[in-house]
Amino acid sequence: MKRFFQPVPKDGSPAKKRPAAAASDSDSLGGDAPAAAACAVGEGDSPPAPREEEPRRFVTWNANSLLLRMKSDWPAFCQFVSRVDPDVICVQEVRMPAAGSKGAPKNPGQLKDDTSSSRDEKQVVLRALSSPPFKDYRVWWSLSDSKYAGTAMIIKKKFEPKKVSFNLDRTSSKHEPDGRVIIAEFESFLLLNTYAPNNGWKEEENSFQRRRKWDKRMLEFVQQVDKPLIWCGDLNVSHEEIDVSHPDFFSSAKLNGYIPPNKEDCGQPGFTLSERRRFGNILSQGKLVDAYRYLHKEKDMDCGFSWSGHPIGKYRGKRMRIDYFLVSEKLKDQIVSCDIHGRGIELEGFYGSDHCPVSLELSEEVEAPKPKSSN
């Protein structure tokens, strides 16, 4: 909770050309279909271009070290991916270092491979992501300089983004510090994958300020996006009391007896009043809908939380929902399902992480009803 590989041009755009549009329905109707189509649209008119198919099934998961998951829990996670068949998988806390030798500039879009150990680790990743069910996907990375934080976006090859960015300022070619952001632009929406920084326990350690700055930038981002937004990831906040298993425990939690000077900063990181209020403001100002809570109104003590404390110790059975799918209000009527795939305090369905996957499925765009004829 704290807690293959194609080069991407500097502007974040895909390296390869976008695939040609799929054949239209008329191509499979026989030899007379083109003529019939021409008559339908009128002489001199061009038939409308077929709309590109876009991703509709998404998964987000904080892997708590993707390399470790690949070494020990990968077969079970592969079975999950095969069963859910997501179009996009957004991963946080990949904890793989960026390419670049010691003291040299780093390339956060590429995995480190300049030492024997890093080359071995890269081969583990290459093998895992070139085998079923991942061989039909392409990966974009945003990595930290060390084995810390970092995100990945794994997209089926048939869905080519118009652009991929790694900074909340989408005009910048730089990656966010620690690789906390990936944005894929499609024709009708933006997909944002983030790993929000943990609020921390102490004002003096500057973690409060870091989180406040992050929330301010996220607020500015959601207010200025130019397309409907799907925002997912480990957002490191539980919005309401229903989103934690033991509200009193988390509200009164302390680290070594320390009490912050502002009472709104007291409690478990991710469940302080200040974080929750800022998060609520981001939802409101960004006109965003929490997809899971939109469908699941009641508290579910068995499988309603995406993070779970260690089964041994004082956090046993203490759980939080800090992994989200937030969608623009324009998309809320397209929400088919949003599910948390782990259950129980023994971390069933967590695949070795302290987070479990969360999935979202959207229907095709809802068309506005045609106006009735006045005749």
Protein backbone atom coordinates (compact mmCIF):
# COMPACT_ATOMS: atom_id res chain seq x y z
CA MET A 1 0.00 0.00 0.00
CA LYS A 2 2.96 2.30 0.55
CA ARG A 3 3.38 1.11 0.21
CA PHE A 4 8.73 -6.96 -26.91
CA PHE A 5 9.11 -3.84 -25.85
CA GLN A 6 8.99 -1.17 -28.48
CA PRO A 7 10.64 2.20 -27.94
CA VAL A 8 8.18 5.05 -27.59
CA PRO A 9 9.04 8.33 -29.33
CA LYS A 10 9.67 11.30 -27.09
CA ASP A 11 6.22 12.75 -27.67
CA GLY A 12 4.70 9.51 -26.41
CA SER A 13 3.06 8.68 -29.72
CA PRO A 14 2.98 5.02 -30.79
CA ALA A 15 6.03 3.90 -32.71
CA LYS A 16 4.12 1.93 -35.30
CA LYS A 17 1.44 3.07 -37.70
CA ARG A 18 -2.12 2.67 -36.71
CA PRO A 19 -3.75 -0.38 -38.27
CA ALA A 20 -6.00 0.09 -41.24
CA ALA A 21 -9.70 0.31 -40.48
CA ALA A 22 -11.49 -2.99 -40.37
CA ALA A 23 -13.43 -4.08 -43.43
CA SER A 24 -16.95 -2.69 -43.56
CA ASP A 25 -19.99 -4.93 -43.39
CA SER A 26 -20.54 -4.48 -47.11
CA ASP A 27 -17.25 -6.27 -47.86
CA SER A 28 -18.78 -9.56 -46.71
CA LEU A 29 -22.13 -9.25 -48.48
CA GLY A 30 -21.09 -10.47 -51.93
CA GLY A 31 -20.29 -8.91 -55.30
CA ASP A 32 -23.33 -6.60 -55.44
CA ALA A 33 -22.69 -4.99 -52.08
CA PRO A 34 -20.50 -2.08 -53.27
CA ALA A 35 -23.06 -0.99 -55.83
CA ALA A 36 -25.83 -1.23 -53.29
CA ALA A 37 -23.84 0.85 -50.87
CA ALA A 38 -23.22 3.50 -53.50
CA CYS A 39 -26.94 3.76 -54.20
CA ALA A 40 -27.69 4.07 -50.51
CA VAL A 41 -25.45 7.07 -49.96
CA GLY A 42 -26.23 8.83 -53.18
CA GLU A 43 -24.15 9.57 -56.22
CA GLY A 44 -21.03 11.54 -55.39
CA ASP A 45 -21.29 10.91 -51.65
CA SER A 46 -18.77 8.88 -49.69
CA PRO A 47 -19.97 6.27 -47.22
CA PRO A 48 -19.21 7.17 -43.63
CA ALA A 49 -15.97 5.74 -42.31
CA PRO A 50 -16.52 2.81 -39.94
CA ARG A 51 -15.98 3.76 -36.32
CA GLU A 52 -12.89 2.20 -34.84
CA GLU A 53 -13.47 -0.39 -32.15
CA GLU A 54 -12.23 0.85 -28.78
CA PRO A 55 -11.37 -0.84 -25.49
CA ARG A 56 -14.36 -1.66 -23.30
CA ARG A 57 -12.95 -4.01 -20.64
CA PHE A 58 -10.33 -2.74 -18.21
CA VAL A 59 -8.39 -4.06 -15.22
CA THR A 60 -6.34 -2.10 -12.69
CA TRP A 61 -3.94 -3.72 -10.23
CA ASN A 62 -1.25 -2.58 -7.83
CA ALA A 63 1.16 -5.51 -8.24
CA ASN A 64 3.45 -4.51 -5.33
CA SER A 65 6.47 -5.47 -7.52
CA LEU A 66 5.52 -6.88 -10.90
CA LEU A 67 8.79 -8.80 -11.08
CA LEU A 68 8.04 -10.66 -7.85
CA ARG A 69 4.55 -11.49 -9.08
CA MET A 70 6.01 -12.89 -12.31
CA LYS A 71 8.41 -15.08 -10.35
CA SER A 72 5.85 -16.61 -8.00
CA ASP A 73 2.21 -15.84 -8.72
CA TRP A 74 2.12 -15.43 -12.49
CA PRO A 75 0.25 -18.63 -13.51
CA ALA A 76 -2.71 -17.73 -11.30
CA PHE A 77 -2.74 -14.13 -12.55
CA CYS A 78 -2.59 -15.38 -16.16
CA GLN A 79 -5.65 -17.52 -15.49
CA PHE A 80 -7.42 -14.45 -14.15
CA VAL A 81 -6.51 -12.44 -17.27
CA SER A 82 -7.66 -15.26 -19.55
CA ARG A 83 -10.97 -15.44 -17.72
CA VAL A 84 -11.69 -11.69 -17.60
CA ASP A 85 -10.13 -10.99 -21.02
CA PRO A 86 -9.48 -7.27 -20.47
CA ASP A 87 -8.67 -5.00 -23.38
CA VAL A 88 -6.38 -2.94 -21.13
CA ILE A 89 -4.50 -3.79 -17.93
CA CYS A 90 -3.22 -0.86 -15.86
CA VAL A 91 -0.53 -1.76 -13.33
CA GLN A 92 0.87 0.32 -10.49
CA GLU A 93 3.91 -0.14 -8.28
CA VAL A 94 5.75 -2.20 -10.89
CA ARG A 95 9.01 -1.44 -9.04
CA MET A 96 11.28 -2.02 -12.04
CA PRO A 97 14.13 0.48 -12.54
CA ALA A 98 14.42 2.61 -15.67
CA ALA A 99 17.13 2.04 -18.27
CA GLY A 100 20.38 3.94 -17.88
CA SER A 101 23.73 3.27 -16.24
CA LYS A 102 24.78 4.71 -12.89
CA GLY A 103 25.15 8.48 -13.05
CA ALA A 104 23.70 8.66 -16.57
CA PRO A 105 20.29 10.06 -17.62
CA LYS A 106 17.52 7.49 -17.29
CA ASN A 107 14.98 6.37 -19.89
CA PRO A 108 11.77 5.77 -17.89
CA GLY A 109 10.09 4.13 -20.89
CA GLN A 110 12.57 1.24 -20.99
CA LEU A 111 13.60 -1.45 -18.51
CA LYS A 112 17.10 -1.34 -17.07
CA ASP A 113 19.47 -3.93 -18.61
CA ASP A 114 23.03 -2.63 -18.15
CA THR A 115 24.01 -5.10 -15.41
CA SER A 116 23.84 -8.87 -15.31
CA SER A 117 21.14 -8.85 -12.64
CA SER A 118 19.01 -6.28 -14.45
CA ARG A 119 19.36 -8.21 -17.72
CA ASP A 120 18.18 -11.36 -15.97
CA GLU A 121 15.23 -9.50 -14.50
CA LYS A 122 14.34 -8.01 -17.86
CA GLN A 123 14.35 -11.47 -19.40
CA VAL A 124 11.88 -12.66 -16.76
CA VAL A 125 9.57 -9.80 -17.75
CA LEU A 126 10.05 -10.39 -21.49
CA ARG A 127 9.21 -14.06 -21.19
CA ALA A 128 6.15 -13.39 -19.04
CA LEU A 129 4.74 -10.77 -21.38
CA SER A 130 5.46 -12.66 -24.61
CA SER A 131 3.58 -15.77 -23.53
CA PRO A 132 -0.19 -16.38 -23.46
CA PRO A 133 -2.36 -14.58 -22.64
CA PHE A 134 -0.07 -11.54 -22.97
CA LYS A 135 1.38 -12.16 -26.42
CA ASP A 136 -1.57 -10.26 -27.93
CA TYR A 137 -0.81 -7.16 -25.86
CA ARG A 138 1.65 -4.29 -26.10
CA VAL A 139 3.21 -2.63 -23.05
CA TRP A 140 3.99 0.99 -22.20
CA TRP A 141 6.18 1.68 -19.16
CA SER A 142 6.72 4.69 -16.92
CA LEU A 143 9.48 3.81 -14.48
CA SER A 144 11.31 5.29 -11.55
CA ASP A 145 15.11 5.43 -11.39
CA SER A 146 15.10 2.68 -8.76
CA LYS A 147 12.93 -0.23 -7.73
CA TYR A 148 10.20 2.07 -6.54
CA ALA A 149 6.71 3.07 -7.72
CA GLY A 150 6.32 3.02 -11.51
CA THR A 151 3.34 2.16 -13.73
CA ALA A 152 2.60 0.09 -16.82
CA MET A 153 -0.23 0.02 -19.32
CA ILE A 154 -0.80 -3.23 -21.21
CA ILE A 155 -3.12 -2.83 -24.20
CA LYS A 156 -4.33 -5.38 -26.73
CA LYS A 157 -2.52 -4.76 -29.97
CA LYS A 158 -5.74 -4.38 -31.93
CA PHE A 159 -6.52 -1.22 -29.94
CA GLU A 160 -3.96 1.35 -31.04
CA PRO A 161 -4.02 4.56 -28.95
CA LYS A 162 -3.89 7.82 -30.83
CA LYS A 163 -1.27 8.98 -28.35
CA VAL A 164 0.33 7.84 -25.11
CA SER A 165 1.58 10.42 -22.61
CA PHE A 166 3.42 10.08 -19.33
CA ASN A 167 2.78 13.45 -17.74
CA LEU A 168 -0.35 15.21 -16.47
CA ASP A 169 0.74 18.00 -18.78
CA ARG A 170 -0.01 15.99 -21.92
CA THR A 171 2.06 18.37 -24.07
CA SER A 172 5.24 17.45 -22.18
CA SER A 173 7.45 14.58 -23.31
CA LYS A 174 8.80 14.05 -19.80
CA HIS A 175 7.60 11.33 -17.45
CA GLU A 176 6.13 12.21 -14.08
CA PRO A 177 8.62 11.72 -11.22
CA ASP A 178 8.62 8.10 -10.03
CA GLY A 179 6.64 7.05 -13.11
CA ARG A 180 3.22 7.70 -11.59
CA VAL A 181 1.22 8.53 -14.73
CA ILE A 182 0.32 6.99 -18.09
CA ILE A 183 -2.41 8.48 -20.30
CA ALA A 184 -3.69 6.70 -23.42
CA GLU A 185 -5.83 8.76 -25.76
CA PHE A 186 -8.44 6.97 -27.85
CA GLU A 187 -10.95 8.44 -30.28
CA SER A 188 -13.75 8.89 -27.77
CA PHE A 189 -12.05 8.94 -24.34
CA LEU A 190 -8.86 9.31 -22.32
CA LEU A 191 -7.62 6.46 -20.14
CA LEU A 192 -5.56 7.63 -17.16
CA ASN A 193 -3.53 5.22 -15.02
CA THR A 194 -2.03 6.70 -11.84
CA TYR A 195 -0.20 5.56 -8.73
CA ALA A 196 -0.93 8.29 -6.21
CA PRO A 197 1.74 9.03 -3.60
CA ASN A 198 0.95 7.86 -0.08
CA ASN A 199 0.01 10.66 2.32
CA GLY A 200 2.38 9.41 5.01
CA TRP A 201 2.08 9.90 8.75
CA LYS A 202 4.05 13.04 9.61
CA GLU A 203 3.89 16.67 8.57
CA GLU A 204 7.63 17.04 9.16
CA GLU A 205 8.50 14.40 6.55
CA ASN A 206 6.97 16.51 3.73
CA SER A 207 4.74 13.64 2.62
CA PHE A 208 1.61 15.65 3.50
CA GLN A 209 2.78 18.47 1.24
CA ARG A 210 3.63 16.03 -1.54
CA ARG A 211 0.13 14.56 -1.42
CA ARG A 212 -1.53 17.99 -1.28
CA LYS A 213 0.42 19.06 -4.36
CA TRP A 214 -0.56 15.84 -6.16
CA ASP A 215 -4.25 16.35 -5.35
CA LYS A 216 -4.09 19.96 -6.53
CA ARG A 217 -2.60 18.87 -9.85
CA MET A 218 -5.17 16.10 -10.24
CA LEU A 219 -7.96 18.61 -9.62
CA GLU A 220 -6.56 20.89 -12.31
CA PHE A 221 -6.20 17.95 -14.70
CA VAL A 222 -9.75 16.63 -14.39
CA GLN A 223 -11.15 20.14 -14.85
CA GLN A 224 -9.41 20.68 -18.18
CA VAL A 225 -9.62 17.31 -19.97
CA ASP A 226 -11.07 17.62 -23.46
CA LYS A 227 -12.63 14.14 -23.71
CA PRO A 228 -14.57 11.83 -21.41
CA LEU A 229 -12.18 10.34 -18.87
CA ILE A 230 -11.64 6.87 -17.46
CA TRP A 231 -9.28 7.22 -14.50
CA CYS A 232 -8.02 4.14 -12.71
CA GLY A 233 -5.26 3.04 -10.40
CA ASP A 234 -4.14 2.93 -6.79
CA LEU A 235 -5.41 6.35 -5.72
CA ASN A 236 -4.36 5.76 -2.10
CA VAL A 237 -7.54 7.14 -0.55
CA SER A 238 -10.75 5.65 0.83
CA HIS A 239 -13.46 8.20 0.17
CA GLU A 240 -16.14 7.33 2.73
CA GLU A 241 -16.49 5.23 5.86
CA ILE A 242 -18.16 2.52 3.78
CA ASP A 243 -14.85 2.17 1.92
CA VAL A 244 -12.94 0.80 4.92
CA SER A 245 -13.61 -2.28 7.01
CA HIS A 246 -13.04 -0.64 10.42
CA PRO A 247 -13.63 3.16 10.29
CA ASP A 248 -12.83 3.75 13.97
CA PHE A 249 -9.54 1.85 13.72
CA PHE A 250 -8.38 3.78 10.67
CA SER A 251 -9.57 7.17 11.98
CA SER A 252 -7.58 6.80 15.20
CA ALA A 253 -4.49 5.07 13.78
CA LYS A 254 -1.12 6.54 14.81
CA LEU A 255 2.51 5.80 14.05
CA ASN A 256 4.58 5.55 17.23
CA GLY A 257 2.10 7.76 19.05
CA TYR A 258 2.66 10.75 16.73
CA ILE A 259 -0.28 13.17 16.33
CA PRO A 260 -0.16 15.69 13.44
CA PRO A 261 -0.73 19.37 14.37
CA ASN A 262 -3.87 19.55 12.21
CA LYS A 263 -6.53 17.08 13.33
CA GLU A 264 -7.74 16.67 9.72
CA ASP A 265 -4.38 15.02 8.98
CA CYS A 266 -4.79 12.47 11.78
CA GLY A 267 -5.38 8.80 11.14
CA GLN A 268 -4.40 6.15 8.64
CA PRO A 269 -2.83 7.53 5.46
CA GLY A 270 -5.57 7.30 2.85
CA PHE A 271 -8.33 7.84 5.39
CA THR A 272 -7.58 11.26 6.85
CA LEU A 273 -10.32 13.87 6.62
CA SER A 274 -8.15 16.18 4.54
CA GLU A 275 -7.46 13.53 1.89
CA ARG A 276 -11.06 12.40 1.73
CA ARG A 277 -12.34 15.96 1.34
CA ARG A 278 -9.87 16.76 -1.42
CA PHE A 279 -10.83 13.53 -3.19
CA GLY A 280 -14.52 14.40 -2.96
CA ASN A 281 -13.77 17.81 -4.46
CA ILE A 282 -11.89 16.20 -7.36
CA LEU A 283 -14.89 13.96 -8.08
CA SER A 284 -17.31 16.88 -7.89
CA GLN A 285 -15.29 19.42 -9.88
CA GLY A 286 -14.24 16.83 -12.45
CA LYS A 287 -17.81 15.52 -12.82
CA LEU A 288 -16.58 12.01 -12.15
CA VAL A 289 -18.50 8.93 -11.05
CA ASP A 290 -17.00 6.23 -8.80
CA ALA A 291 -17.97 3.24 -10.94
CA TYR A 292 -17.80 0.63 -8.17
CA ARG A 293 -19.89 2.62 -5.70
CA TYR A 294 -22.31 3.60 -8.47
CA LEU A 295 -23.21 -0.09 -8.84
CA HIS A 296 -22.55 -1.38 -5.31
CA LYS A 297 -24.36 0.79 -2.78
CA GLU A 298 -23.95 -1.40 0.28
CA LYS A 299 -20.87 -2.31 2.31
CA ASP A 300 -19.48 -5.74 1.43
CA MET A 301 -17.23 -7.05 4.19
CA ASP A 302 -16.11 -10.06 2.15
CA CYS A 303 -15.08 -8.64 -1.21
CA GLY A 304 -15.71 -4.91 -1.08
CA PHE A 305 -12.11 -3.82 -0.46
CA SER A 306 -9.13 -3.74 -2.81
CA TRP A 307 -6.33 -3.53 -0.20
CA SER A 308 -5.97 -5.86 2.76
CA GLY A 309 -3.57 -5.76 5.69
CA HIS A 310 -1.13 -8.56 6.36
CA PRO A 311 -2.88 -11.67 7.71
CA ILE A 312 -0.50 -11.59 10.68
CA GLY A 313 -0.40 -8.61 13.04
CA LYS A 314 -2.64 -5.72 14.01
CA TYR A 315 -3.75 -5.10 10.40
CA ARG A 316 -5.21 -8.60 10.03
CA GLY A 317 -8.71 -8.22 8.68
CA LYS A 318 -8.30 -4.45 8.25
CA ARG A 319 -9.11 -3.51 4.69
CA MET A 320 -9.55 -0.46 2.49
CA ARG A 321 -10.89 0.34 -0.97
CA ILE A 322 -8.18 2.50 -2.49
CA ASP A 323 -8.12 1.18 -6.10
CA TYR A 324 -10.70 2.81 -8.36
CA PHE A 325 -12.30 3.30 -11.71
CA LEU A 326 -13.61 6.85 -11.97
CA VAL A 327 -15.47 7.77 -15.15
CA SER A 328 -16.88 10.99 -16.53
CA GLU A 329 -20.59 11.42 -15.87
CA LYS A 330 -21.12 11.19 -19.64
CA LEU A 331 -20.04 7.54 -19.43
CA LYS A 332 -22.02 6.44 -16.38
CA ASP A 333 -24.90 4.98 -18.38
CA GLN A 334 -22.38 2.74 -20.15
CA ILE A 335 -21.13 1.10 -16.95
CA VAL A 336 -21.94 -2.60 -17.27
CA SER A 337 -19.90 -3.89 -14.33
CA CYS A 338 -17.19 -2.86 -11.89
CA ASP A 339 -15.90 -5.61 -9.64
CA ILE A 340 -13.26 -6.15 -6.97
CA HIS A 341 -11.72 -9.59 -7.55
CA GLY A 342 -10.19 -10.38 -4.16
CA ARG A 343 -11.98 -11.63 -1.08
CA GLY A 344 -11.42 -12.53 2.53
CA ILE A 345 -8.69 -11.65 5.00
CA GLU A 346 -6.48 -14.46 3.66
CA LEU A 347 -5.95 -12.47 0.43
CA GLU A 348 -7.69 -14.84 -1.97
CA GLY A 349 -7.40 -13.41 -5.48
CA PHE A 350 -4.59 -10.97 -4.59
CA TYR A 351 -1.93 -12.96 -6.51
CA GLY A 352 0.80 -12.21 -3.98
CA SER A 353 0.17 -8.47 -3.74
CA ASP A 354 -1.53 -6.63 -0.91
CA HIS A 355 -3.95 -5.31 -3.56
CA CYS A 356 -6.33 -7.30 -5.72
CA PRO A 357 -7.38 -6.49 -9.30
CA VAL A 358 -10.43 -4.34 -10.01
CA SER A 359 -12.25 -4.55 -13.34
CA LEU A 360 -14.54 -2.28 -15.32
CA GLU A 361 -16.68 -3.05 -18.34
CA LEU A 362 -18.41 -0.41 -20.45
CA SER A 363 -21.05 -0.94 -23.10
CA GLU A 364 -20.82 0.57 -26.55
CA GLU A 365 -21.66 4.24 -26.74
CA VAL A 366 -25.33 4.88 -26.13
CA GLU A 367 -26.83 6.59 -29.14
CA ALA A 368 -29.30 9.39 -28.62
CA PRO A 369 -32.83 8.47 -29.74
CA LYS A 370 -33.73 9.73 -33.20
CA PRO A 371 -36.41 12.44 -33.27
CA LYS A 372 -39.81 11.23 -34.42
CA SER A 373 -41.00 12.31 -37.82
CA SER A 374 -43.58 15.08 -37.80
CA ASN A 375 -45.46 13.39 -40.65
